[in-house]
């Protein structure tokens, strides 16, 4: 199959080109019009597929539900917003719930599914700080231990690839160091860590931060905290929710400007309510939540933010058109940067011969015209 457009994102620019696809891969790239195209997208933008490393659910399903058909439905339908790879993300709950949740992801991966590729599991909690827990259930927050994490990883059949923890509560950084040894990305978040504690977390193996600005110590010129660490240590990754609500547009611009083009990761941090009709009763971690008109979720009856309903293609639009982030920097944050963070940048995140045919076709208004997951048209 050959698809083409006069605007294909290659080598950090749009060029007129054809993508030749065989057996889930981009096998060759040709000048526009060189061969007979099966699909001509004319002037629509063709970009790499989006990678969401922090998302709890959508379409009424939450990772913690542990239901295989809900997970399969999510993966099959999420390409409608341009997502081609994903880390289903847990939220803090009791061990039996978390064990079932990660085992469910492992079973679905083993048995087969369609759509966005599950690159692993993001294990958010339960090793978090009580003060900065946000909407994470306080009754289930636990002390970090290598022994317990090994049990979760065994249930997940090794699929936990990314963990959010509070470094100040990881005694002697034992879990951080263990995860680093086995290739699990350690992301600091839901944390009261000082700048000094965060730097020590990085020194012991942490390589990312979870939803920067949210669920962490803020920035003060005499106490830089985790936000100050994210600004100062430019060569560690940092997630950020780009809905314009979790963080002010100016704060988004500040963060992208400080970090540069290679280490910001856009995330949705989406909940089961995404792609669902307005209203309805939802839960996160066993606690009731309500969805505001802005799309933000709150713990019911409180002002505590509990996640988003952000579509990734809308996040890209917000970054470029409202936060005034250069297009290449914004696109990197949902393509090659998360791929590098996860160590899959040898096959994901770029439109290059030999890479997976994960491709998004965008209208000028950022609506998704088509998504290809490993060469298969999904819309």
Protein backbone atom coordinates (compact mmCIF):
# COMPACT_ATOMS: atom_id res chain seq x y z
CA UNK A 1 0.00 0.00 0.00
CA UNK A 2 1.17 3.51 -0.82
CA UNK A 3 -0.21 6.69 0.75
CA UNK A 4 0.92 10.18 -0.10
CA UNK A 5 0.51 13.86 0.67
CA UNK A 6 2.19 17.11 -0.16
CA UNK A 7 2.76 17.55 3.60
CA UNK A 8 4.46 14.53 5.19
CA UNK A 9 6.44 15.12 8.41
CA UNK A 10 9.96 13.88 7.68
CA UNK A 11 13.23 15.09 9.23
CA UNK A 12 11.49 17.85 11.19
CA UNK A 13 9.70 19.40 8.22
CA UNK A 14 6.79 18.86 5.87
CA UNK A 15 7.74 17.54 2.45
CA UNK A 16 5.81 16.10 -0.47
CA UNK A 17 6.27 12.34 -0.21
CA UNK A 18 4.88 8.83 -0.46
CA UNK A 19 4.95 6.21 2.28
CA UNK A 20 5.10 2.62 1.09
CA UNK A 21 3.70 0.21 3.70
CA UNK A 22 4.06 -3.58 3.88
CA UNK A 23 3.48 -6.00 6.76
CA UNK A 24 2.98 -3.32 9.42
CA UNK A 25 6.13 -1.37 8.47
CA UNK A 26 7.09 1.64 6.40
CA UNK A 27 9.33 -0.13 3.89
CA UNK A 28 10.23 2.83 1.70
CA UNK A 29 9.66 6.56 1.25
CA UNK A 30 9.46 8.07 -2.23
CA UNK A 31 8.99 11.52 -3.73
CA UNK A 32 5.36 12.54 -4.10
CA UNK A 33 3.78 11.08 -7.22
CA UNK A 34 6.65 8.74 -8.06
CA UNK A 35 4.47 5.63 -7.82
CA UNK A 36 0.75 5.05 -8.13
CA UNK A 37 -0.76 5.87 -4.74
CA UNK A 38 -3.54 3.85 -3.16
CA UNK A 39 -4.57 6.90 -1.16
CA UNK A 40 -3.73 10.53 -1.93
CA UNK A 41 -4.29 12.82 1.05
CA UNK A 42 -3.37 15.87 -1.03
CA UNK A 43 -2.52 18.72 1.39
CA UNK A 44 -3.52 17.01 4.62
CA UNK A 45 -0.72 16.68 7.18
CA UNK A 46 0.73 13.20 7.68
CA UNK A 47 2.56 12.83 11.01
CA UNK A 48 3.76 9.98 13.24
CA UNK A 49 1.19 8.27 15.47
CA UNK A 50 0.68 9.72 18.95
CA UNK A 51 1.98 7.90 22.04
CA UNK A 52 0.11 8.41 25.33
CA UNK A 53 2.15 7.15 28.29
CA UNK A 54 -0.31 8.26 30.98
CA UNK A 55 -3.97 7.43 30.45
CA UNK A 56 -6.33 5.64 32.83
CA UNK A 57 -9.15 4.95 30.44
CA UNK A 58 -11.89 6.05 28.04
CA UNK A 59 -15.24 4.87 26.65
CA UNK A 60 -16.45 4.01 30.14
CA UNK A 61 -13.46 1.75 30.90
CA UNK A 62 -10.71 2.22 33.49
CA UNK A 63 -7.49 0.19 33.63
CA UNK A 64 -8.28 -0.75 37.23
CA UNK A 65 -11.52 -2.42 36.13
CA UNK A 66 -9.50 -5.41 34.97
CA UNK A 67 -12.05 -6.25 32.26
CA UNK A 68 -10.58 -7.61 29.00
CA UNK A 69 -13.35 -6.48 26.63
CA UNK A 70 -13.28 -2.95 28.01
CA UNK A 71 -9.53 -2.78 27.37
CA UNK A 72 -9.93 -4.21 23.86
CA UNK A 73 -12.66 -1.70 23.02
CA UNK A 74 -10.44 1.15 24.26
CA UNK A 75 -7.51 0.08 22.10
CA UNK A 76 -9.69 -0.39 19.03
CA UNK A 77 -11.35 3.01 19.30
CA UNK A 78 -8.65 5.33 20.65
CA UNK A 79 -7.00 5.78 17.20
CA UNK A 80 -9.88 8.18 16.48
CA UNK A 81 -7.80 10.83 18.25
CA UNK A 82 -4.55 9.78 16.57
CA UNK A 83 -3.22 7.53 19.34
CA UNK A 84 -1.32 4.51 18.00
CA UNK A 85 0.59 3.45 21.14
CA UNK A 86 -0.39 3.55 24.77
CA UNK A 87 0.50 2.70 28.36
CA UNK A 88 -2.73 1.76 30.20
CA UNK A 89 -2.29 3.44 33.56
CA UNK A 90 -3.35 2.23 36.99
CA UNK A 91 -4.42 4.41 39.89
CA UNK A 92 -3.69 3.70 43.54
CA UNK A 93 -5.94 0.98 44.97
CA UNK A 94 -5.60 -2.07 47.19
CA UNK A 95 -3.24 -4.87 46.10
CA UNK A 96 -5.98 -7.23 44.91
CA UNK A 97 -7.38 -4.59 42.54
CA UNK A 98 -3.97 -3.62 41.18
CA UNK A 99 -2.95 -7.25 40.72
CA UNK A 100 -6.11 -7.97 38.74
CA UNK A 101 -5.63 -4.80 36.67
CA UNK A 102 -2.08 -5.54 35.55
CA UNK A 103 -2.86 -9.23 34.99
CA UNK A 104 -5.73 -8.21 32.73
CA UNK A 105 -3.46 -6.08 30.55
CA UNK A 106 -0.98 -8.95 30.31
CA UNK A 107 -3.73 -11.40 29.33
CA UNK A 108 -5.11 -9.12 26.60
CA UNK A 109 -1.62 -8.59 25.17
CA UNK A 110 -1.05 -12.34 25.17
CA UNK A 111 -4.43 -13.25 23.68
CA UNK A 112 -4.57 -10.49 21.08
CA UNK A 113 -6.38 -7.23 20.37
CA UNK A 114 -6.77 -4.60 17.62
CA UNK A 115 -5.85 -0.94 17.38
CA UNK A 116 -3.35 1.07 19.38
CA UNK A 117 -0.36 -0.95 20.55
CA UNK A 118 0.00 -1.58 24.28
CA UNK A 119 3.67 -0.80 24.92
CA UNK A 120 3.41 -1.69 28.60
CA UNK A 121 1.73 -0.55 31.80
CA UNK A 122 2.17 2.73 33.66
CA UNK A 123 1.97 1.88 37.36
CA UNK A 124 0.91 5.15 39.03
CA UNK A 125 1.08 4.59 42.74
CA UNK A 126 0.57 3.31 45.35
CA UNK A 127 4.00 4.57 46.47
CA UNK A 128 3.03 8.23 46.76
CA UNK A 129 3.05 11.14 49.19
CA UNK A 130 -0.09 11.65 51.24
CA UNK A 131 -0.07 15.46 51.00
CA UNK A 132 0.37 15.49 47.22
CA UNK A 133 -1.77 12.44 46.49
CA UNK A 134 -4.30 14.53 44.53
CA UNK A 135 -7.25 12.25 43.73
CA UNK A 136 -5.33 9.06 44.53
CA UNK A 137 -7.22 7.12 47.28
CA UNK A 138 -5.41 7.79 50.58
CA UNK A 139 -6.45 4.48 52.15
CA UNK A 140 -4.43 2.56 49.56
CA UNK A 141 -1.19 4.57 49.56
CA UNK A 142 1.66 2.30 50.66
CA UNK A 143 5.35 2.30 51.47
CA UNK A 144 7.55 1.41 48.51
CA UNK A 145 9.09 -2.06 48.66
CA UNK A 146 10.95 -4.02 46.03
CA UNK A 147 9.30 -7.21 47.23
CA UNK A 148 5.74 -5.99 46.63
CA UNK A 149 6.64 -4.45 43.28
CA UNK A 150 8.09 -7.79 42.17
CA UNK A 151 4.71 -9.38 42.88
CA UNK A 152 2.92 -6.82 40.74
CA UNK A 153 5.47 -7.23 37.96
CA UNK A 154 5.05 -10.99 38.07
CA UNK A 155 1.27 -10.61 37.72
CA UNK A 156 1.90 -8.22 34.82
CA UNK A 157 4.27 -10.73 33.17
CA UNK A 158 6.92 -8.04 33.01
CA UNK A 159 4.70 -5.48 31.31
CA UNK A 160 5.11 -2.70 33.88
CA UNK A 161 7.40 -0.37 31.95
CA UNK A 162 6.86 2.92 33.80
CA UNK A 163 6.19 3.71 37.46
CA UNK A 164 5.22 6.91 39.24
CA UNK A 165 6.51 7.17 42.81
CA UNK A 166 7.43 9.77 45.42
CA UNK A 167 11.24 9.54 45.70
CA UNK A 168 11.35 10.91 49.24
CA UNK A 169 9.40 7.86 50.45
CA UNK A 170 11.54 5.29 48.62
CA UNK A 171 13.93 4.32 51.42
CA UNK A 172 17.53 4.35 50.20
CA UNK A 173 16.02 4.65 46.70
CA UNK A 174 15.78 0.86 46.72
CA UNK A 175 12.80 0.61 44.36
CA UNK A 176 14.14 3.34 42.10
CA UNK A 177 17.43 1.51 41.71
CA UNK A 178 15.73 -1.85 41.19
CA UNK A 179 13.44 -0.47 38.48
CA UNK A 180 16.38 1.16 36.75
CA UNK A 181 18.20 -2.19 36.74
CA UNK A 182 15.30 -4.03 35.09
CA UNK A 183 14.48 -1.31 32.55
CA UNK A 184 11.39 0.26 34.14
CA UNK A 185 11.18 4.04 33.76
CA UNK A 186 10.94 5.74 37.16
CA UNK A 187 8.92 8.95 37.10
CA UNK A 188 8.79 11.21 40.15
CA UNK A 189 5.30 12.43 40.98
CA UNK A 190 2.58 12.88 43.60
CA UNK A 191 5.52 13.94 45.69
CA UNK A 192 6.54 16.46 48.34
CA UNK A 193 10.20 16.13 47.35
CA UNK A 194 12.47 19.12 47.68
CA UNK A 195 14.80 20.07 44.87
CA UNK A 196 17.64 18.29 46.67
CA UNK A 197 15.63 15.10 47.18
CA UNK A 198 14.53 15.13 43.54
CA UNK A 199 18.11 15.48 42.33
CA UNK A 200 19.06 12.48 44.47
CA UNK A 201 16.17 10.58 42.93
CA UNK A 202 17.62 11.33 39.50
CA UNK A 203 21.09 10.35 40.71
CA UNK A 204 19.67 6.96 41.71
CA UNK A 205 17.86 6.25 38.47
CA UNK A 206 14.71 8.37 38.00
CA UNK A 207 14.45 9.63 34.42
CA UNK A 208 11.05 11.33 34.23
CA UNK A 209 8.45 13.37 36.12
CA UNK A 210 4.72 12.76 36.24
CA UNK A 211 2.32 15.55 35.11
CA UNK A 212 4.65 18.45 35.90
CA UNK A 213 3.03 21.25 37.96
CA UNK A 214 0.32 18.88 39.22
CA UNK A 215 0.72 16.65 42.28
CA UNK A 216 4.11 18.04 43.32
CA UNK A 217 5.87 20.80 45.22
CA UNK A 218 5.63 24.07 43.34
CA UNK A 219 8.30 26.53 42.33
CA UNK A 220 9.67 29.14 44.69
CA UNK A 221 12.88 31.03 44.04
CA UNK A 222 14.33 29.86 47.37
CA UNK A 223 12.70 26.42 47.28
CA UNK A 224 12.70 25.23 43.66
CA UNK A 225 10.94 21.94 44.48
CA UNK A 226 10.04 19.40 41.82
CA UNK A 227 8.91 22.03 39.33
CA UNK A 228 12.25 23.79 39.70
CA UNK A 229 13.97 20.45 39.18
CA UNK A 230 12.02 19.91 35.96
CA UNK A 231 13.20 23.31 34.71
CA UNK A 232 16.81 22.93 35.86
CA UNK A 233 17.52 19.32 34.84
CA UNK A 234 16.78 19.62 31.16
CA UNK A 235 17.82 16.10 30.15
CA UNK A 236 15.19 14.19 32.10
CA UNK A 237 11.73 13.67 30.68
CA UNK A 238 8.64 15.32 32.10
CA UNK A 239 5.00 14.62 31.33
CA UNK A 240 2.55 17.49 31.10
CA UNK A 241 -1.23 17.60 30.62
CA UNK A 242 -1.87 19.99 27.73
CA UNK A 243 -5.56 20.75 28.16
CA UNK A 244 -5.03 24.39 29.16
CA UNK A 245 -6.85 23.69 32.44
CA UNK A 246 -4.43 21.59 34.49
CA UNK A 247 -1.83 24.24 33.69
CA UNK A 248 -2.26 27.79 32.42
CA UNK A 249 -1.31 28.35 28.79
CA UNK A 250 1.53 30.60 29.94
CA UNK A 251 2.79 27.84 32.23
CA UNK A 252 2.73 25.41 29.29
CA UNK A 253 4.79 27.86 27.27
CA UNK A 254 7.23 28.38 30.15
CA UNK A 255 7.73 24.66 30.56
CA UNK A 256 8.26 23.87 26.88
CA UNK A 257 10.62 26.84 26.57
CA UNK A 258 12.70 25.70 29.55
CA UNK A 259 12.87 22.03 28.55
CA UNK A 260 13.50 22.38 24.85
CA UNK A 261 12.32 20.09 22.08
CA UNK A 262 13.56 16.68 23.27
CA UNK A 263 12.31 15.98 26.79
CA UNK A 264 8.69 17.13 27.15
CA UNK A 265 6.00 14.41 26.98
CA UNK A 266 2.39 15.39 26.37
CA UNK A 267 -0.09 13.16 28.17
CA UNK A 268 -3.87 13.02 28.42
CA UNK A 269 -4.15 11.61 31.99
CA UNK A 270 -7.61 10.69 30.74
CA UNK A 271 -10.34 8.94 32.69
CA UNK A 272 -13.10 6.51 31.78
CA UNK A 273 -15.38 9.48 31.05
CA UNK A 274 -13.42 10.41 27.91
CA UNK A 275 -15.47 9.87 24.74
CA UNK A 276 -18.59 9.42 26.90
CA UNK A 277 -21.73 11.62 26.80
CA UNK A 278 -21.93 14.55 29.25
CA UNK A 279 -23.21 13.72 32.71
CA UNK A 280 -23.13 10.24 34.16
CA UNK A 281 -21.67 8.78 37.31
CA UNK A 282 -17.98 7.84 37.28
CA UNK A 283 -15.35 6.66 39.70
CA UNK A 284 -11.57 6.81 39.99
CA UNK A 285 -9.86 4.46 42.41
CA UNK A 286 -13.21 3.61 43.95
CA UNK A 287 -14.07 7.26 44.68
CA UNK A 288 -16.84 9.25 42.95
CA UNK A 289 -15.79 11.91 40.46
CA UNK A 290 -17.69 14.52 38.47
CA UNK A 291 -16.85 16.05 35.09
CA UNK A 292 -16.97 19.84 34.73
CA UNK A 293 -18.02 21.73 31.60
CA UNK A 294 -14.32 22.29 30.82
CA UNK A 295 -13.73 18.53 30.68
CA UNK A 296 -11.78 18.48 33.95
CA UNK A 297 -12.64 15.78 36.46
CA UNK A 298 -12.91 16.50 40.18
CA UNK A 299 -13.40 14.34 43.24
CA UNK A 300 -17.12 14.71 43.81
CA UNK A 301 -17.98 17.64 46.05
CA UNK A 302 -14.39 18.98 46.12
CA UNK A 303 -12.03 21.17 44.13
CA UNK A 304 -9.44 18.37 43.84
CA UNK A 305 -8.63 17.71 40.17
CA UNK A 306 -8.92 14.00 39.35
CA UNK A 307 -7.79 13.84 35.72
CA UNK A 308 -8.92 14.93 32.28
CA UNK A 309 -10.90 13.97 29.22
CA UNK A 310 -8.33 15.42 26.83
CA UNK A 311 -8.06 14.07 23.27
CA UNK A 312 -4.44 13.95 22.15
CA UNK A 313 -5.12 15.69 18.83
CA UNK A 314 -6.80 18.52 20.75
CA UNK A 315 -3.77 18.72 23.03
CA UNK A 316 -1.58 19.25 19.98
CA UNK A 317 -3.88 22.00 18.77
CA UNK A 318 -3.86 23.72 22.18
CA UNK A 319 -0.08 23.65 22.31
CA UNK A 320 0.43 25.10 18.84
CA UNK A 321 -2.51 27.45 18.44
CA UNK A 322 -3.04 28.67 22.02
CA UNK A 323 0.16 28.11 24.02
CA UNK A 324 2.22 29.20 20.98
CA UNK A 325 4.60 26.23 21.04
CA UNK A 326 6.48 25.66 17.74
CA UNK A 327 4.88 22.81 15.81
CA UNK A 328 7.96 20.58 15.78
CA UNK A 329 8.40 20.89 19.54
CA UNK A 330 4.72 20.19 20.21
CA UNK A 331 4.68 17.20 17.87
CA UNK A 332 7.85 15.75 19.41
CA UNK A 333 6.10 15.75 22.79
CA UNK A 334 3.57 13.15 21.67
CA UNK A 335 5.71 11.14 19.24
CA UNK A 336 9.48 10.74 19.40
CA UNK A 337 9.99 11.99 22.98
CA UNK A 338 7.77 9.35 24.65
CA UNK A 339 9.26 6.76 22.28
CA UNK A 340 12.78 7.66 23.46
CA UNK A 341 11.70 7.69 27.10
CA UNK A 342 10.35 4.14 26.74
CA UNK A 343 13.27 2.91 24.63
CA UNK A 344 11.14 2.11 21.58
CA UNK A 345 12.50 4.91 19.39
CA UNK A 346 14.08 2.30 17.12
CA UNK A 347 10.58 1.60 15.72
CA UNK A 348 8.21 4.30 16.96
CA UNK A 349 7.93 8.08 16.89
CA UNK A 350 9.14 8.93 13.37
CA UNK A 351 8.17 8.39 9.74
CA UNK A 352 11.26 6.49 8.63
CA UNK A 353 11.78 3.40 6.47
CA UNK A 354 11.92 0.35 8.73
CA UNK A 355 9.71 1.88 11.43
CA UNK A 356 6.22 0.73 12.39
CA UNK A 357 3.56 2.20 10.10
CA UNK A 358 1.94 4.21 12.91
CA UNK A 359 0.60 7.21 11.05
CA UNK A 360 -1.92 10.02 11.62
CA UNK A 361 -3.52 12.11 8.89
CA UNK A 362 -4.55 15.53 10.25
CA UNK A 363 -6.88 18.17 8.87
CA UNK A 364 -5.79 21.80 9.21
CA UNK A 365 -8.08 22.10 12.27
CA UNK A 366 -6.30 19.10 13.88
CA UNK A 367 -9.23 16.76 13.39
CA UNK A 368 -8.09 13.23 12.58
CA UNK A 369 -8.88 12.20 9.00
CA UNK A 370 -7.30 8.74 9.33
CA UNK A 371 -5.07 6.77 11.67
CA UNK A 372 -2.95 3.77 10.68
CA UNK A 373 -1.93 1.40 13.46
CA UNK A 374 0.95 -0.72 12.17
CA UNK A 375 -0.29 -0.14 8.64
CA UNK A 376 -3.97 -0.83 9.26
CA UNK A 377 -6.48 1.96 8.65
CA UNK A 378 -8.56 2.31 11.81
CA UNK A 379 -11.23 4.89 10.92
